Amino acid sequence: MAEEKKLQLVDLVGMGNLLEALVAENVITCEERDRIILRIAEKYGFTGYSHSTLAGYGRSKSEVLERAARRKTSAPRSKEQDESYVSLTKIAQAHNEDSPGYVIQSWLRSGNTLAFLHLWEKENIPDYSEAGYIELLEKKKTAPFTLTPKLWD
């Protein structure tokens, strides 16, 4: 049986940033964010300091909104934008305005991202099918595999 890879601190930071953006967009609550971070931190043995400081655990809604306001790009939102979706590119731009694609590519390269996306969709999408996830797990076993947004879609 293959050994599960250890989650790296950079992965936890990326997940925290994603979850914080979802809180700012009112997609999830601070309590849901904290529950997800705790689950990940417990599973991978992160200390309280690591997940509270780096992943945003315990930040209040006002702190999240203040941080989001500081990160906002100057590009105005389109009135036609579908509010039921969260833009990963916009989240990545808040992290690195010049190279959001690189931020996304780095995150998708992590072995834990597939597991995170699976957990997220399983908990939040009622008709989520695991068939595609199982297929991607098989592809992941091959050396040249890299997850892309199109593959996950």
Protein backbone atom coordinates (compact mmCIF):
# COMPACT_ATOMS: atom_id res chain seq x y z
CA MET A 1 0.00 0.00 0.00
CA ALA A 2 1.34 3.45 -0.90
CA GLU A 3 2.35 5.68 1.97
CA GLU A 4 0.31 8.86 2.30
CA LYS A 5 2.34 12.04 1.76
CA LYS A 6 2.76 14.42 4.67
CA LEU A 7 0.96 17.70 4.32
CA GLN A 8 3.41 20.57 4.13
CA LEU A 9 2.97 23.88 5.87
CA VAL A 10 2.69 25.67 2.53
CA ASP A 11 -0.31 23.46 1.71
CA LEU A 12 -2.01 24.45 4.97
CA VAL A 13 -1.36 28.12 4.24
CA GLY A 14 -2.86 27.78 0.76
CA MET A 15 -5.92 26.01 2.11
CA GLY A 16 -6.27 28.68 4.79
CA ASN A 17 -6.15 31.40 2.14
CA LEU A 18 -8.78 29.63 0.09
CA LEU A 19 -11.03 29.14 3.11
CA GLU A 20 -10.58 32.75 4.19
CA ALA A 21 -11.66 33.91 0.74
CA LEU A 22 -14.73 31.70 1.00
CA VAL A 23 -15.57 33.24 4.38
CA ALA A 24 -15.15 36.75 2.92
CA GLU A 25 -17.52 35.82 0.08
CA ASN A 26 -20.10 34.40 2.53
CA VAL A 27 -19.80 30.93 1.02
CA ILE A 28 -18.86 29.39 4.37
CA THR A 29 -18.89 30.65 7.96
CA CYS A 30 -15.90 31.21 10.22
CA GLU A 31 -17.05 28.16 12.20
CA GLU A 32 -17.04 25.98 9.06
CA ARG A 33 -13.57 27.28 8.15
CA ASP A 34 -12.29 26.45 11.63
CA ARG A 35 -13.83 22.97 11.51
CA ILE A 36 -12.13 22.23 8.18
CA ILE A 37 -8.76 23.58 9.36
CA LEU A 38 -8.98 21.55 12.58
CA ARG A 39 -9.74 18.36 10.64
CA ILE A 40 -6.75 18.89 8.39
CA ALA A 41 -4.46 19.96 11.25
CA GLU A 42 -5.42 16.96 13.38
CA LYS A 43 -4.98 14.52 10.51
CA TYR A 44 -1.51 15.83 9.64
CA GLY A 45 -0.26 16.66 13.14
CA PHE A 46 0.06 20.44 12.95
CA THR A 47 0.43 22.31 16.21
CA GLY A 48 -2.08 24.93 17.32
CA TYR A 49 0.40 27.69 16.50
CA SER A 50 0.79 26.54 12.91
CA HIS A 51 -2.84 26.33 12.02
CA SER A 52 -4.01 29.39 13.95
CA THR A 53 -1.37 31.78 12.65
CA LEU A 54 -0.90 30.53 9.13
CA ALA A 55 -4.26 29.15 8.07
CA GLY A 56 -6.45 31.82 9.62
CA TYR A 57 -8.02 29.58 12.24
CA GLY A 58 -9.94 31.64 14.78
CA ARG A 59 -10.01 34.87 12.77
CA SER A 60 -13.25 36.74 13.24
CA LYS A 61 -15.46 37.70 10.32
CA SER A 62 -14.43 41.35 10.72
CA GLU A 63 -10.73 40.38 10.58
CA VAL A 64 -11.36 38.30 7.47
CA LEU A 65 -13.23 41.15 5.78
CA GLU A 66 -10.51 43.63 6.72
CA ARG A 67 -7.83 41.38 5.22
CA ALA A 68 -9.96 40.82 2.10
CA ALA A 69 -10.42 44.57 1.63
CA ARG A 70 -6.66 45.08 1.78
CA ARG A 71 -6.14 42.37 -0.83
CA LYS A 72 -8.80 43.46 -3.28
CA THR A 73 -7.58 44.09 -6.75
CA SER A 74 -8.51 47.28 -8.53
CA ALA A 75 -10.53 45.37 -11.15
CA PRO A 76 -14.26 45.93 -10.64
CA ARG A 77 -16.56 42.92 -10.42
CA SER A 78 -18.86 42.27 -13.31
CA LYS A 79 -22.54 42.53 -12.42
CA GLU A 80 -23.10 39.47 -14.57
CA GLN A 81 -20.69 37.32 -12.54
CA ASP A 82 -22.35 34.26 -11.06
CA GLU A 83 -22.10 34.68 -7.27
CA SER A 84 -22.44 30.93 -6.63
CA TYR A 85 -18.85 30.38 -7.77
CA VAL A 86 -15.58 31.44 -6.20
CA SER A 87 -12.79 32.49 -8.52
CA LEU A 88 -9.58 30.66 -7.70
CA THR A 89 -7.76 33.13 -9.94
CA LYS A 90 -8.98 36.08 -7.85
CA ILE A 91 -7.85 34.31 -4.69
CA ALA A 92 -4.45 33.64 -6.25
CA GLN A 93 -4.19 37.26 -7.42
CA ALA A 94 -4.60 38.36 -3.80
CA HIS A 95 -1.58 36.21 -2.98
CA ASN A 96 0.54 37.13 -6.01
CA GLU A 97 -0.93 39.79 -8.29
CA ASP A 98 1.72 39.35 -11.01
CA SER A 99 1.58 35.56 -11.33
CA PRO A 100 -1.73 34.07 -10.13
CA GLY A 101 -1.34 31.16 -12.55
CA TYR A 102 1.88 30.14 -10.85
CA VAL A 103 0.18 30.17 -7.44
CA ILE A 104 -2.60 27.92 -8.75
CA GLN A 105 -0.14 25.64 -10.53
CA SER A 106 1.94 25.27 -7.35
CA TRP A 107 -1.15 24.48 -5.29
CA LEU A 108 -2.38 21.92 -7.81
CA ARG A 109 1.04 20.24 -7.79
CA SER A 110 0.66 19.38 -4.10
CA GLY A 111 -0.29 15.78 -3.48
CA ASN A 112 -2.81 16.91 -0.88
CA THR A 113 -4.82 19.21 -3.12
CA LEU A 114 -6.72 16.33 -4.75
CA ALA A 115 -7.71 15.01 -1.32
CA PHE A 116 -8.75 18.50 -0.19
CA LEU A 117 -10.92 19.07 -3.28
CA HIS A 118 -12.49 15.65 -2.84
CA LEU A 119 -13.32 16.36 0.81
CA TRP A 120 -14.69 19.80 -0.04
CA GLU A 121 -16.97 18.58 -2.81
CA LYS A 122 -18.09 15.52 -0.84
CA GLU A 123 -19.20 17.74 2.05
CA ASN A 124 -20.71 20.56 0.00
CA ILE A 125 -22.17 19.11 -3.19
CA PRO A 126 -25.13 16.77 -2.63
CA ASP A 127 -24.89 14.98 -5.99
CA TYR A 128 -21.08 14.72 -6.03
CA SER A 129 -19.87 11.55 -7.73
CA GLU A 130 -16.64 9.92 -6.57
CA ALA A 131 -16.07 8.20 -9.94
CA GLY A 132 -13.98 11.07 -11.33
CA TYR A 133 -11.99 11.31 -8.11
CA ILE A 134 -11.17 7.59 -8.20
CA GLU A 135 -10.07 7.93 -11.83
CA LEU A 136 -7.78 10.85 -10.94
CA LEU A 137 -6.31 8.84 -8.04
CA GLU A 138 -5.33 6.14 -10.51
CA LYS A 139 -3.77 8.70 -12.88
CA LYS A 140 -1.94 10.26 -9.93
CA LYS A 141 -0.05 6.99 -9.41
CA THR A 142 1.76 7.59 -12.69
CA ALA A 143 4.93 9.68 -12.53
CA PRO A 144 4.01 12.42 -15.04
CA PHE A 145 0.60 13.24 -13.53
CA THR A 146 -0.20 16.87 -12.71
CA LEU A 147 -3.64 17.98 -11.61
CA THR A 148 -5.10 20.82 -13.66
CA PRO A 149 -8.37 22.73 -13.27
CA LYS A 150 -9.69 21.05 -16.44
CA LEU A 151 -8.93 17.56 -15.05
CA TRP A 152 -10.80 18.32 -11.82
CA ASP A 153 -13.76 19.84 -13.63
